[in-house]
Amino acid sequence: MLRLVAAVMILCGIGILPSRAQVDLNTYADANGFIDVQKLTCGQLAGTWQEDADRLTAWYSGWYNGLARKHYMDIRKSKEAEHEVILHCKANPGHLVIEAISVVFKDMRARLGIEMKP
């Protein structure tokens, strides 16, 4: 019986790696409640609750679209980009989120044949 419990624990990852609890987004805020989105790491994004990760990626999307003076949202592409950013962040926790977004957007533009205007 002890071997069965040990096997289940190993299969479930218990005892191999410490379990990692999700972190509230406000953990990364300063004393005034602000998050420096240019310094947020992929590890921080990937380690927060899904609802907070969704909120952050929506904010980043708005920020980037605002910089590009685009005032519309492509629901399909935004969901795809959010998914790709989170995947990139899980694989590269030391990267900054803004770096992950840059990589994902560049890859998406290349795949879709979109050229940036100078």
PDB file of N, CA and C in Angstrom:
ATOM      1  N   MET A   1       0.831  -1.194   0.000  1.00  0.00           N
ATOM      2  CA  MET A   1       0.000   0.000   0.000  1.00  0.00           C
ATOM      3  C   MET A   1       0.871   1.252   0.000  1.00  0.00           C
ATOM      4  N   LEU A   2       1.948   1.223   0.766  1.00  0.00           N
ATOM      5  CA  LEU A   2       2.851   2.363   0.833  1.00  0.00           C
ATOM      6  C   LEU A   2       3.466   2.655  -0.536  1.00  0.00           C
ATOM      7  N   ARG A   3       3.798   1.593  -1.270  1.00  0.00           N
ATOM      8  CA  ARG A   3       4.344   1.782  -2.614  1.00  0.00           C
ATOM      9  C   ARG A   3       3.323   2.426  -3.540  1.00  0.00           C
ATOM     10  N   LEU A   4       2.061   2.063  -3.418  1.00  0.00           N
ATOM     11  CA  LEU A   4       1.001   2.638  -4.236  1.00  0.00           C
ATOM     12  C   LEU A   4       0.863   4.126  -3.965  1.00  0.00           C
ATOM     13  N   VAL A   5       0.858   4.504  -2.688  1.00  0.00           N
ATOM     14  CA  VAL A   5       0.763   5.920  -2.317  1.00  0.00           C
ATOM     15  C   VAL A   5       1.966   6.682  -2.862  1.00  0.00           C
ATOM     16  N   ALA A   6       3.157   6.117  -2.735  1.00  0.00           N
ATOM     17  CA  ALA A   6       4.365   6.762  -3.248  1.00  0.00           C
ATOM     18  C   ALA A   6       4.293   6.924  -4.766  1.00  0.00           C
ATOM     19  N   ALA A   7       3.819   5.898  -5.460  1.00  0.00           N
ATOM     20  CA  ALA A   7       3.699   5.969  -6.916  1.00  0.00           C
ATOM     21  C   ALA A   7       2.711   7.051  -7.337  1.00  0.00           C
ATOM     22  N   VAL A   8       1.579   7.136  -6.646  1.00  0.00           N
ATOM     23  CA  VAL A   8       0.583   8.168  -6.956  1.00  0.00           C
ATOM     24  C   VAL A   8       1.169   9.552  -6.709  1.00  0.00           C
ATOM     25  N   MET A   9       1.898   9.709  -5.603  1.00  0.00           N
ATOM     26  CA  MET A   9       2.513  11.006  -5.298  1.00  0.00           C
ATOM     27  C   MET A   9       3.507  11.396  -6.375  1.00  0.00           C
ATOM     28  N   ILE A  10       4.297  10.439  -6.845  1.00  0.00           N
ATOM     29  CA  ILE A  10       5.264  10.733  -7.895  1.00  0.00           C
ATOM     30  C   ILE A  10       4.553  11.086  -9.187  1.00  0.00           C
ATOM     31  N   LEU A  11       3.537  10.316  -9.548  1.00  0.00           N
ATOM     32  CA  LEU A  11       2.791  10.598 -10.775  1.00  0.00           C
ATOM     33  C   LEU A  11       2.109  11.956 -10.725  1.00  0.00           C
ATOM     34  N   CYS A  12       1.660  12.352  -9.578  1.00  0.00           N
ATOM     35  CA  CYS A  12       0.978  13.644  -9.435  1.00  0.00           C
ATOM     36  C   CYS A  12       1.955  14.793  -9.241  1.00  0.00           C
ATOM     37  N   GLY A  13       3.216  14.475  -9.129  1.00  0.00           N
ATOM     38  CA  GLY A  13       4.197  15.531  -8.965  1.00  0.00           C
ATOM     39  C   GLY A  13       4.403  15.932  -7.523  1.00  0.00           C
ATOM     40  N   ILE A  14       3.760  15.270  -6.601  1.00  0.00           N
ATOM     41  CA  ILE A  14       3.908  15.608  -5.199  1.00  0.00           C
ATOM     42  C   ILE A  14       5.244  15.064  -4.732  1.00  0.00           C
ATOM     43  N   GLY A  15       6.010  15.920  -4.127  1.00  0.00           N
ATOM     44  CA  GLY A  15       7.294  15.486  -3.626  1.00  0.00           C
ATOM     45  C   GLY A  15       8.426  15.686  -4.623  1.00  0.00           C
ATOM     46  N   ILE A  16       8.108  15.839  -5.890  1.00  0.00           N
ATOM     47  CA  ILE A  16       9.152  16.087  -6.882  1.00  0.00           C
ATOM     48  C   ILE A  16       9.468  17.581  -6.915  1.00  0.00           C
ATOM     49  N   LEU A  17       8.454  18.367  -7.104  1.00  0.00           N
ATOM     50  CA  LEU A  17       8.598  19.813  -7.117  1.00  0.00           C
ATOM     51  C   LEU A  17       7.658  20.400  -6.080  1.00  0.00           C
ATOM     52  N   PRO A  18       8.083  21.448  -5.417  1.00  0.00           N
ATOM     53  CA  PRO A  18       7.156  22.053  -4.466  1.00  0.00           C
ATOM     54  C   PRO A  18       5.969  22.641  -5.206  1.00  0.00           C
ATOM     55  N   SER A  19       4.784  22.506  -4.628  1.00  0.00           N
ATOM     56  CA  SER A  19       3.617  23.076  -5.291  1.00  0.00           C
ATOM     57  C   SER A  19       3.706  24.593  -5.201  1.00  0.00           C
ATOM     58  N   ARG A  20       3.194  25.220  -6.226  1.00  0.00           N
ATOM     59  CA  ARG A  20       3.302  26.673  -6.303  1.00  0.00           C
ATOM     60  C   ARG A  20       1.908  27.256  -6.296  1.00  0.00           C
ATOM     61  N   ALA A  21       1.612  28.015  -5.267  1.00  0.00           N
ATOM     62  CA  ALA A  21       0.295  28.631  -5.156  1.00  0.00           C
ATOM     63  C   ALA A  21       0.226  29.850  -6.068  1.00  0.00           C
ATOM     64  N   GLN A  22      -0.964  30.121  -6.554  1.00  0.00           N
ATOM     65  CA  GLN A  22      -1.177  31.321  -7.352  1.00  0.00           C
ATOM     66  C   GLN A  22      -1.021  32.544  -6.447  1.00  0.00           C
ATOM     67  N   VAL A  23      -0.596  33.631  -7.032  1.00  0.00           N
ATOM     68  CA  VAL A  23      -0.326  34.864  -6.296  1.00  0.00           C
ATOM     69  C   VAL A  23      -1.316  35.935  -6.737  1.00  0.00           C
ATOM     70  N   ASP A  24      -1.857  36.670  -5.795  1.00  0.00           N
ATOM     71  CA  ASP A  24      -2.753  37.781  -6.128  1.00  0.00           C
ATOM     72  C   ASP A  24      -1.981  38.868  -6.866  1.00  0.00           C
ATOM     73  N   LEU A  25      -2.609  39.476  -7.845  1.00  0.00           N
ATOM     74  CA  LEU A  25      -1.992  40.512  -8.659  1.00  0.00           C
ATOM     75  C   LEU A  25      -1.509  41.684  -7.808  1.00  0.00           C
ATOM     76  N   ASN A  26      -2.238  42.015  -6.759  1.00  0.00           N
ATOM     77  CA  ASN A  26      -1.840  43.168  -5.940  1.00  0.00           C
ATOM     78  C   ASN A  26      -0.526  42.943  -5.207  1.00  0.00           C
ATOM     79  N   THR A  27      -0.019  41.714  -5.211  1.00  0.00           N
ATOM     80  CA  THR A  27       1.294  41.414  -4.627  1.00  0.00           C
ATOM     81  C   THR A  27       2.386  42.212  -5.333  1.00  0.00           C
ATOM     82  N   TYR A  28       2.179  42.502  -6.617  1.00  0.00           N
ATOM     83  CA  TYR A  28       3.189  43.181  -7.421  1.00  0.00           C
ATOM     84  C   TYR A  28       3.002  44.693  -7.448  1.00  0.00           C
ATOM     85  N   ALA A  29       2.011  45.189  -6.745  1.00  0.00           N
ATOM     86  CA  ALA A  29       1.718  46.630  -6.740  1.00  0.00           C
ATOM     87  C   ALA A  29       2.599  47.351  -5.721  1.00  0.00           C
ATOM     88  N   ASP A  30       2.840  48.624  -5.998  1.00  0.00           N
ATOM     89  CA  ASP A  30       3.578  49.444  -5.038  1.00  0.00           C
ATOM     90  C   ASP A  30       2.630  49.915  -3.941  1.00  0.00           C
ATOM     91  N   ALA A  31       3.133  50.753  -3.053  1.00  0.00           N
ATOM     92  CA  ALA A  31       2.343  51.212  -1.903  1.00  0.00           C
ATOM     93  C   ALA A  31       1.100  51.983  -2.330  1.00  0.00           C
ATOM     94  N   ASN A  32       1.114  52.548  -3.539  1.00  0.00           N
ATOM     95  CA  ASN A  32      -0.033  53.309  -4.042  1.00  0.00           C
ATOM     96  C   ASN A  32      -0.989  52.451  -4.870  1.00  0.00           C
ATOM     97  N   GLY A  33      -0.676  51.163  -5.016  1.00  0.00           N
ATOM     98  CA  GLY A  33      -1.554  50.260  -5.755  1.00  0.00           C
ATOM     99  C   GLY A  33      -1.257  50.161  -7.236  1.00  0.00           C
ATOM    100  N   PHE A  34      -0.104  50.685  -7.664  1.00  0.00           N
ATOM    101  CA  PHE A  34       0.255  50.668  -9.080  1.00  0.00           C
ATOM    102  C   PHE A  34       1.247  49.551  -9.382  1.00  0.00           C
ATOM    103  N   ILE A  35       1.103  48.953 -10.565  1.00  0.00           N
ATOM    104  CA  ILE A  35       2.039  47.937 -11.048  1.00  0.00           C
ATOM    105  C   ILE A  35       2.816  48.542 -12.203  1.00  0.00           C
ATOM    106  N   ASP A  36       4.136  48.436 -12.164  1.00  0.00           N
ATOM    107  CA  ASP A  36       4.962  48.894 -13.274  1.00  0.00           C
ATOM    108  C   ASP A  36       4.925  47.800 -14.337  1.00  0.00           C
ATOM    109  N   VAL A  37       4.065  47.973 -15.318  1.00  0.00           N
ATOM    110  CA  VAL A  37       3.834  46.937 -16.324  1.00  0.00           C
ATOM    111  C   VAL A  37       5.046  46.706 -17.217  1.00  0.00           C
ATOM    112  N   GLN A  38       5.981  47.654 -17.228  1.00  0.00           N
ATOM    113  CA  GLN A  38       7.180  47.472 -18.036  1.00  0.00           C
ATOM    114  C   GLN A  38       8.222  46.621 -17.321  1.00  0.00           C
ATOM    115  N   LYS A  39       8.021  46.364 -16.035  1.00  0.00           N
ATOM    116  CA  LYS A  39       8.966  45.555 -15.264  1.00  0.00           C
ATOM    117  C   LYS A  39       8.380  44.217 -14.822  1.00  0.00           C
ATOM    118  N   LEU A  40       7.121  43.974 -15.143  1.00  0.00           N
ATOM    119  CA  LEU A  40       6.468  42.728 -14.747  1.00  0.00           C
ATOM    120  C   LEU A  40       7.084  41.567 -15.523  1.00  0.00           C
ATOM    121  N   THR A  41       7.442  40.511 -14.816  1.00  0.00           N
ATOM    122  CA  THR A  41       8.084  39.365 -15.477  1.00  0.00           C
ATOM    123  C   THR A  41       7.048  38.338 -15.907  1.00  0.00           C
ATOM    124  N   CYS A  42       7.479  37.502 -16.820  1.00  0.00           N
ATOM    125  CA  CYS A  42       6.630  36.398 -17.274  1.00  0.00           C
ATOM    126  C   CYS A  42       6.298  35.465 -16.116  1.00  0.00           C
ATOM    127  N   GLY A  43       7.257  35.246 -15.242  1.00  0.00           N
ATOM    128  CA  GLY A  43       7.011  34.395 -14.089  1.00  0.00           C
ATOM    129  C   GLY A  43       5.917  34.962 -13.202  1.00  0.00           C
ATOM    130  N   GLN A  44       5.884  36.273 -13.065  1.00  0.00           N
ATOM    131  CA  GLN A  44       4.837  36.904 -12.270  1.00  0.00           C
ATOM    132  C   GLN A  44       3.482  36.763 -12.956  1.00  0.00           C
ATOM    133  N   LEU A  45       3.445  36.977 -14.271  1.00  0.00           N
ATOM    134  CA  LEU A  45       2.189  36.823 -15.009  1.00  0.00           C
ATOM    135  C   LEU A  45       1.694  35.383 -14.927  1.00  0.00           C
ATOM    136  N   ALA A  46       2.587  34.433 -15.172  1.00  0.00           N
ATOM    137  CA  ALA A  46       2.200  33.021 -15.161  1.00  0.00           C
ATOM    138  C   ALA A  46       1.824  32.546 -13.765  1.00  0.00           C
ATOM    139  N   GLY A  47       2.326  33.213 -12.736  1.00  0.00           N
ATOM    140  CA  GLY A  47       2.065  32.795 -11.364  1.00  0.00           C
ATOM    141  C   GLY A  47       0.849  33.412 -10.723  1.00  0.00           C
ATOM    142  N   THR A  48       0.171  34.289 -11.442  1.00  0.00           N
ATOM    143  CA  THR A  48      -1.010  34.923 -10.869  1.00  0.00           C
ATOM    144  C   THR A  48      -2.258  34.131 -11.256  1.00  0.00           C
ATOM    145  N   TRP A  49      -3.368  34.501 -10.704  1.00  0.00           N
ATOM    146  CA  TRP A  49      -4.642  33.843 -11.012  1.00  0.00           C
ATOM    147  C   TRP A  49      -4.998  34.089 -12.466  1.00  0.00           C
ATOM    148  N   GLN A  50      -5.725  33.157 -13.089  1.00  0.00           N
ATOM    149  CA  GLN A  50      -6.100  33.290 -14.496  1.00  0.00           C
ATOM    150  C   GLN A  50      -6.866  34.585 -14.746  1.00  0.00           C
ATOM    151  N   GLU A  51      -7.761  34.931 -13.864  1.00  0.00           N
ATOM    152  CA  GLU A  51      -8.537  36.169 -14.017  1.00  0.00           C
ATOM    153  C   GLU A  51      -7.611  37.383 -14.044  1.00  0.00           C
ATOM    154  N   ASP A  52      -6.595  37.391 -13.197  1.00  0.00           N
ATOM    155  CA  ASP A  52      -5.641  38.495 -13.176  1.00  0.00           C
ATOM    156  C   ASP A  52      -4.772  38.491 -14.429  1.00  0.00           C
ATOM    157  N   ALA A  53      -4.370  37.303 -14.883  1.00  0.00           N
ATOM    158  CA  ALA A  53      -3.582  37.205 -16.114  1.00  0.00           C
ATOM    159  C   ALA A  53      -4.403  37.718 -17.300  1.00  0.00           C
ATOM    160  N   ASP A  54      -5.688  37.369 -17.341  1.00  0.00           N
ATOM    161  CA  ASP A  54      -6.575  37.863 -18.399  1.00  0.00           C
ATOM    162  C   ASP A  54      -6.675  39.385 -18.351  1.00  0.00           C
ATOM    163  N   ARG A  55      -6.828  39.927 -17.152  1.00  0.00           N
ATOM    164  CA  ARG A  55      -6.931  41.382 -16.984  1.00  0.00           C
ATOM    165  C   ARG A  55      -5.657  42.063 -17.459  1.00  0.00           C
ATOM    166  N   LEU A  56      -4.516  41.511 -17.085  1.00  0.00           N
ATOM    167  CA  LEU A  56      -3.242  42.091 -17.502  1.00  0.00           C
ATOM    168  C   LEU A  56      -3.060  42.040 -19.008  1.00  0.00           C
ATOM    169  N   THR A  57      -3.345  40.904 -19.614  1.00  0.00           N
ATOM    170  CA  THR A  57      -3.151  40.807 -21.058  1.00  0.00           C
ATOM    171  C   THR A  57      -4.124  41.713 -21.816  1.00  0.00           C
ATOM    172  N   ALA A  58      -5.315  41.899 -21.301  1.00  0.00           N
ATOM    173  CA  ALA A  58      -6.251  42.848 -21.919  1.00  0.00           C
ATOM    174  C   ALA A  58      -5.703  44.269 -21.806  1.00  0.00           C
ATOM    175  N   TRP A  59      -5.133  44.595 -20.642  1.00  0.00           N
ATOM    176  CA  TRP A  59      -4.556  45.928 -20.453  1.00  0.00           C
ATOM    177  C   TRP A  59      -3.405  46.141 -21.429  1.00  0.00           C
ATOM    178  N   TYR A  60      -2.499  45.154 -21.510  1.00  0.00           N
ATOM    179  CA  TYR A  60      -1.369  45.260 -22.443  1.00  0.00           C
ATOM    180  C   TYR A  60      -1.857  45.425 -23.879  1.00  0.00           C
ATOM    181  N   SER A  61      -2.890  44.695 -24.261  1.00  0.00           N
ATOM    182  CA  SER A  61      -3.434  44.792 -25.607  1.00  0.00           C
ATOM    183  C   SER A  61      -3.915  46.215 -25.884  1.00  0.00           C
ATOM    184  N   GLY A  62      -4.627  46.774 -24.939  1.00  0.00           N
ATOM    185  CA  GLY A  62      -5.095  48.158 -25.086  1.00  0.00           C
ATOM    186  C   GLY A  62      -3.948  49.141 -25.184  1.00  0.00           C
ATOM    187  N   TRP A  63      -2.936  48.906 -24.384  1.00  0.00           N
ATOM    188  CA  TRP A  63      -1.761  49.783 -24.381  1.00  0.00           C
ATOM    189  C   TRP A  63      -1.081  49.749 -25.745  1.00  0.00           C
ATOM    190  N   TYR A  64      -0.820  48.553 -26.249  1.00  0.00           N
ATOM    191  CA  TYR A  64      -0.162  48.425 -27.550  1.00  0.00           C
ATOM    192  C   TYR A  64      -1.023  48.966 -28.674  1.00  0.00           C
ATOM    193  N   ASN A  65      -2.326  48.696 -28.645  1.00  0.00           N
ATOM    194  CA  ASN A  65      -3.208  49.230 -29.682  1.00  0.00           C
ATOM    195  C   ASN A  65      -3.283  50.746 -29.608  1.00  0.00           C
ATOM    196  N   GLY A  66      -3.247  51.286 -28.417  1.00  0.00           N
ATOM    197  CA  GLY A  66      -3.232  52.745 -28.261  1.00  0.00           C
ATOM    198  C   GLY A  66      -1.972  53.353 -28.852  1.00  0.00           C
ATOM    199  N   LEU A  67      -0.833  52.706 -28.592  1.00  0.00           N
ATOM    200  CA  LEU A  67       0.426  53.196 -29.166  1.00  0.00           C
ATOM    201  C   LEU A  67       0.398  53.160 -30.689  1.00  0.00           C
ATOM    202  N   ALA A  68      -0.276  52.167 -31.241  1.00  0.00           N
ATOM    203  CA  ALA A  68      -0.377  52.024 -32.698  1.00  0.00           C
ATOM    204  C   ALA A  68      -1.539  52.831 -33.273  1.00  0.00           C
ATOM    205  N   ARG A  69      -2.257  53.529 -32.406  1.00  0.00           N
ATOM    206  CA  ARG A  69      -3.420  54.333 -32.800  1.00  0.00           C
ATOM    207  C   ARG A  69      -4.509  53.483 -33.465  1.00  0.00           C
ATOM    208  N   LYS A  70      -4.630  52.253 -32.999  1.00  0.00           N
ATOM    209  CA  LYS A  70      -5.693  51.367 -33.478  1.00  0.00           C
ATOM    210  C   LYS A  70      -6.785  51.369 -32.419  1.00  0.00           C
ATOM    211  N   HIS A  71      -7.986  51.611 -32.862  1.00  0.00           N
ATOM    212  CA  HIS A  71      -9.098  51.753 -31.919  1.00  0.00           C
ATOM    213  C   HIS A  71     -10.151  50.675 -32.138  1.00  0.00           C
ATOM    214  N   TYR A  72      -9.692  49.483 -32.368  1.00  0.00           N
ATOM    215  CA  TYR A  72     -10.602  48.361 -32.550  1.00  0.00           C
ATOM    216  C   TYR A  72      -9.938  47.123 -31.966  1.00  0.00           C
ATOM    217  N   MET A  73     -10.728  46.069 -31.811  1.00  0.00           N
ATOM    218  CA  MET A  73     -10.213  44.830 -31.246  1.00  0.00           C
ATOM    219  C   MET A  73     -10.655  43.660 -32.100  1.00  0.00           C
ATOM    220  N   ASP A  74      -9.706  42.832 -32.487  1.00  0.00           N
ATOM    221  CA  ASP A  74     -10.000  41.599 -33.202  1.00  0.00           C
ATOM    222  C   ASP A  74     -10.062  40.510 -32.131  1.00  0.00           C
ATOM    223  N   ILE A  75     -11.269  40.079 -31.793  1.00  0.00           N
ATOM    224  CA  ILE A  75     -11.474  39.134 -30.694  1.00  0.00           C
ATOM    225  C   ILE A  75     -10.659  37.855 -30.903  1.00  0.00           C
ATOM    226  N   ARG A  76     -10.721  37.295 -32.097  1.00  0.00           N
ATOM    227  CA  ARG A  76     -10.018  36.034 -32.373  1.00  0.00           C
ATOM    228  C   ARG A  76      -8.517  36.192 -32.190  1.00  0.00           C
ATOM    229  N   LYS A  77      -7.956  37.239 -32.803  1.00  0.00           N
ATOM    230  CA  LYS A  77      -6.507  37.441 -32.703  1.00  0.00           C
ATOM    231  C   LYS A  77      -6.088  37.772 -31.278  1.00  0.00           C
ATOM    232  N   SER A  78      -6.917  38.517 -30.559  1.00  0.00           N
ATOM    233  CA  SER A  78      -6.531  38.881 -29.194  1.00  0.00           C
ATOM    234  C   SER A  78      -6.503  37.660 -28.283  1.00  0.00           C
ATOM    235  N   LYS A  79      -7.460  36.747 -28.458  1.00  0.00           N
ATOM    236  CA  LYS A  79      -7.457  35.511 -27.664  1.00  0.00           C
ATOM    237  C   LYS A  79      -6.243  34.664 -28.003  1.00  0.00           C
ATOM    238  N   GLU A  80      -5.939  34.575 -29.295  1.00  0.00           N
ATOM    239  CA  GLU A  80      -4.775  33.804 -29.733  1.00  0.00           C
ATOM    240  C   GLU A  80      -3.492  34.417 -29.177  1.00  0.00           C
ATOM    241  N   ALA A  81      -3.378  35.731 -29.262  1.00  0.00           N
ATOM    242  CA  ALA A  81      -2.178  36.409 -28.763  1.00  0.00           C
ATOM    243  C   ALA A  81      -2.043  36.225 -27.253  1.00  0.00           C
ATOM    244  N   GLU A  82      -3.146  36.343 -26.527  1.00  0.00           N
ATOM    245  CA  GLU A  82      -3.107  36.151 -25.078  1.00  0.00           C
ATOM    246  C   GLU A  82      -2.609  34.746 -24.749  1.00  0.00           C
ATOM    247  N   HIS A  83      -3.138  33.757 -25.438  1.00  0.00           N
ATOM    248  CA  HIS A  83      -2.727  32.373 -25.209  1.00  0.00           C
ATOM    249  C   HIS A  83      -1.235  32.199 -25.495  1.00  0.00           C
ATOM    250  N   GLU A  84      -0.775  32.745 -26.609  1.00  0.00           N
ATOM    251  CA  GLU A  84       0.635  32.626 -26.989  1.00  0.00           C
ATOM    252  C   GLU A  84       1.553  33.339 -25.999  1.00  0.00           C
ATOM    253  N   VAL A  85       1.139  34.501 -25.504  1.00  0.00           N
ATOM    254  CA  VAL A  85       1.943  35.228 -24.512  1.00  0.00           C
ATOM    255  C   VAL A  85       2.068  34.407 -23.239  1.00  0.00           C
ATOM    256  N   ILE A  86       0.965  33.846 -22.795  1.00  0.00           N
ATOM    257  CA  ILE A  86       1.003  33.047 -21.563  1.00  0.00           C
ATOM    258  C   ILE A  86       1.873  31.806 -21.760  1.00  0.00           C
ATOM    259  N   LEU A  87       1.776  31.144 -22.919  1.00  0.00           N
ATOM    260  CA  LEU A  87       2.645  30.000 -23.199  1.00  0.00           C
ATOM    261  C   LEU A  87       4.112  30.413 -23.198  1.00  0.00           C
ATOM    262  N   HIS A  88       4.403  31.529 -23.854  1.00  0.00           N
ATOM    263  CA  HIS A  88       5.782  32.038 -23.893  1.00  0.00           C
ATOM    264  C   HIS A  88       6.268  32.341 -22.476  1.00  0.00           C
ATOM    265  N   CYS A  89       5.409  32.937 -21.683  1.00  0.00           N
ATOM    266  CA  CYS A  89       5.791  33.300 -20.324  1.00  0.00           C
ATOM    267  C   CYS A  89       6.025  32.073 -19.446  1.00  0.00           C
ATOM    268  N   LYS A  90       5.216  31.061 -19.607  1.00  0.00           N
ATOM    269  CA  LYS A  90       5.422  29.842 -18.822  1.00  0.00           C
ATOM    270  C   LYS A  90       6.757  29.185 -19.183  1.00  0.00           C
ATOM    271  N   ALA A  91       7.142  29.269 -20.458  1.00  0.00           N
ATOM    272  CA  ALA A  91       8.398  28.685 -20.909  1.00  0.00           C
ATOM    273  C   ALA A  91       9.604  29.569 -20.601  1.00  0.00           C
ATOM    274  N   ASN A  92       9.371  30.861 -20.372  1.00  0.00           N
ATOM    275  CA  ASN A  92      10.457  31.828 -20.168  1.00  0.00           C
ATOM    276  C   ASN A  92      10.146  32.753 -18.994  1.00  0.00           C
ATOM    277  N   PRO A  93      10.070  32.227 -17.782  1.00  0.00           N
ATOM    278  CA  PRO A  93       9.637  33.033 -16.639  1.00  0.00           C
ATOM    279  C   PRO A  93      10.528  34.230 -16.324  1.00  0.00           C
ATOM    280  N   GLY A  94      11.776  34.207 -16.782  1.00  0.00           N
ATOM    281  CA  GLY A  94      12.676  35.330 -16.511  1.00  0.00           C
ATOM    282  C   GLY A  94      12.514  36.503 -17.467  1.00  0.00           C
ATOM    283  N   HIS A  95      11.804  36.302 -18.564  1.00  0.00           N
ATOM    284  CA  HIS A  95      11.587  37.394 -19.522  1.00  0.00           C
ATOM    285  C   HIS A  95      10.584  38.399 -18.965  1.00  0.00           C
ATOM    286  N   LEU A  96      10.654  39.602 -19.462  1.00  0.00           N
ATOM    287  CA  LEU A  96       9.630  40.593 -19.141  1.00  0.00           C
ATOM    288  C   LEU A  96       8.399  40.316 -20.001  1.00  0.00           C
ATOM    289  N   VAL A  97       7.234  40.639 -19.487  1.00  0.00           N
ATOM    290  CA  VAL A  97       5.998  40.432 -20.246  1.00  0.00           C
ATOM    291  C   VAL A  97       6.039  41.230 -21.541  1.00  0.00           C
ATOM    292  N   ILE A  98       6.560  42.457 -21.495  1.00  0.00           N
ATOM    293  CA  ILE A  98       6.613  43.270 -22.716  1.00  0.00           C
ATOM    294  C   ILE A  98       7.523  42.640 -23.762  1.00  0.00           C
ATOM    295  N   GLU A  99       8.548  41.894 -23.337  1.00  0.00           N
ATOM    296  CA  GLU A  99       9.388  41.167 -24.286  1.00  0.00           C
ATOM    297  C   GLU A  99       8.604  40.010 -24.909  1.00  0.00           C
ATOM    298  N   ALA A 100       7.840  39.309 -24.084  1.00  0.00           N
ATOM    299  CA  ALA A 100       7.029  38.191 -24.581  1.00  0.00           C
ATOM    300  C   ALA A 100       6.008  38.689 -25.595  1.00  0.00           C
ATOM    301  N   ILE A 101       5.383  39.803 -25.303  1.00  0.00           N
ATOM    302  CA  ILE A 101       4.389  40.369 -26.218  1.00  0.00           C
ATOM    303  C   ILE A 101       5.050  40.737 -27.542  1.00  0.00           C
ATOM    304  N   SER A 102       6.219  41.322 -27.471  1.00  0.00           N
ATOM    305  CA  SER A 102       6.945  41.691 -28.685  1.00  0.00           C
ATOM    306  C   SER A 102       7.247  40.466 -29.545  1.00  0.00           C
ATOM    307  N   VAL A 103       7.703  39.389 -28.914  1.00  0.00           N
ATOM    308  CA  VAL A 103       8.006  38.150 -29.637  1.00  0.00           C
ATOM    309  C   VAL A 103       6.741  37.582 -30.279  1.00  0.00           C
ATOM    310  N   VAL A 104       5.668  37.516 -29.506  1.00  0.00           N
ATOM    311  CA  VAL A 104       4.407  36.946 -30.002  1.00  0.00           C
ATOM    312  C   VAL A 104       3.847  37.789 -31.140  1.00  0.00           C
ATOM    313  N   PHE A 105       3.837  39.108 -30.985  1.00  0.00           N
ATOM    314  CA  PHE A 105       3.312  39.971 -32.043  1.00  0.00           C
ATOM    315  C   PHE A 105       4.149  39.855 -33.308  1.00  0.00           C
ATOM    316  N   LYS A 106       5.471  39.808 -33.158  1.00  0.00           N
ATOM    317  CA  LYS A 106       6.351  39.681 -34.325  1.00  0.00           C
ATOM    318  C   LYS A 106       6.058  38.374 -35.050  1.00  0.00           C
ATOM    319  N   ASP A 107       5.940  37.274 -34.302  1.00  0.00           N
ATOM    320  CA  ASP A 107       5.634  35.975 -34.908  1.00  0.00           C
ATOM    321  C   ASP A 107       4.263  35.982 -35.594  1.00  0.00           C
ATOM    322  N   MET A 108       3.271  36.586 -34.952  1.00  0.00           N
ATOM    323  CA  MET A 108       1.929  36.640 -35.542  1.00  0.00           C
ATOM    324  C   MET A 108       1.926  37.449 -36.827  1.00  0.00           C
ATOM    325  N   ARG A 109       2.619  38.603 -36.805  1.00  0.00           N
ATOM    326  CA  ARG A 109       2.681  39.435 -38.011  1.00  0.00           C
ATOM    327  C   ARG A 109       3.353  38.675 -39.152  1.00  0.00           C
ATOM    328  N   ALA A 110       4.440  37.977 -38.849  1.00  0.00           N
ATOM    329  CA  ALA A 110       5.154  37.218 -39.884  1.00  0.00           C
ATOM    330  C   ALA A 110       4.258  36.116 -40.445  1.00  0.00           C
ATOM    331  N   ARG A 111       3.555  35.416 -39.560  1.00  0.00           N
ATOM    332  CA  ARG A 111       2.686  34.320 -39.993  1.00  0.00           C
ATOM    333  C   ARG A 111       1.524  34.829 -40.854  1.00  0.00           C
ATOM    334  N   LEU A 112       1.029  36.027 -40.539  1.00  0.00           N
ATOM    335  CA  LEU A 112      -0.115  36.587 -41.257  1.00  0.00           C
ATOM    336  C   LEU A 112       0.291  37.463 -42.441  1.00  0.00           C
ATOM    337  N   GLY A 113       1.615  37.646 -42.635  1.00  0.00           N
ATOM    338  CA  GLY A 113       2.102  38.475 -43.749  1.00  0.00           C
ATOM    339  C   GLY A 113       1.859  39.951 -43.552  1.00  0.00           C
ATOM    340  N   ILE A 114       1.820  40.402 -42.308  1.00  0.00           N
ATOM    341  CA  ILE A 114       1.582  41.815 -41.997  1.00  0.00           C
ATOM    342  C   ILE A 114       2.922  42.531 -41.909  1.00  0.00           C
ATOM    343  N   GLU A 115       3.061  43.588 -42.689  1.00  0.00           N
ATOM    344  CA  GLU A 115       4.293  44.380 -42.650  1.00  0.00           C
ATOM    345  C   GLU A 115       4.020  45.652 -41.890  1.00  0.00           C
ATOM    346  N   MET A 116       4.982  46.027 -41.055  1.00  0.00           N
ATOM    347  CA  MET A 116       4.870  47.264 -40.269  1.00  0.00           C
ATOM    348  C   MET A 116       5.264  48.445 -41.120  1.00  0.00           C
ATOM    349  N   LYS A 117       4.525  49.531 -41.002  1.00  0.00           N
ATOM    350  CA  LYS A 117       4.871  50.756 -41.703  1.00  0.00           C
ATOM    351  C   LYS A 117       5.984  51.471 -40.928  1.00  0.00           C
ATOM    352  N   PRO A 118       6.945  52.065 -41.659  1.00  0.00           N
ATOM    353  CA  PRO A 118       8.044  52.746 -40.966  1.00  0.00           C
ATOM    354  C   PRO A 118       7.591  53.979 -40.220  1.00  0.00           C
TER     355      PRO A 118
END
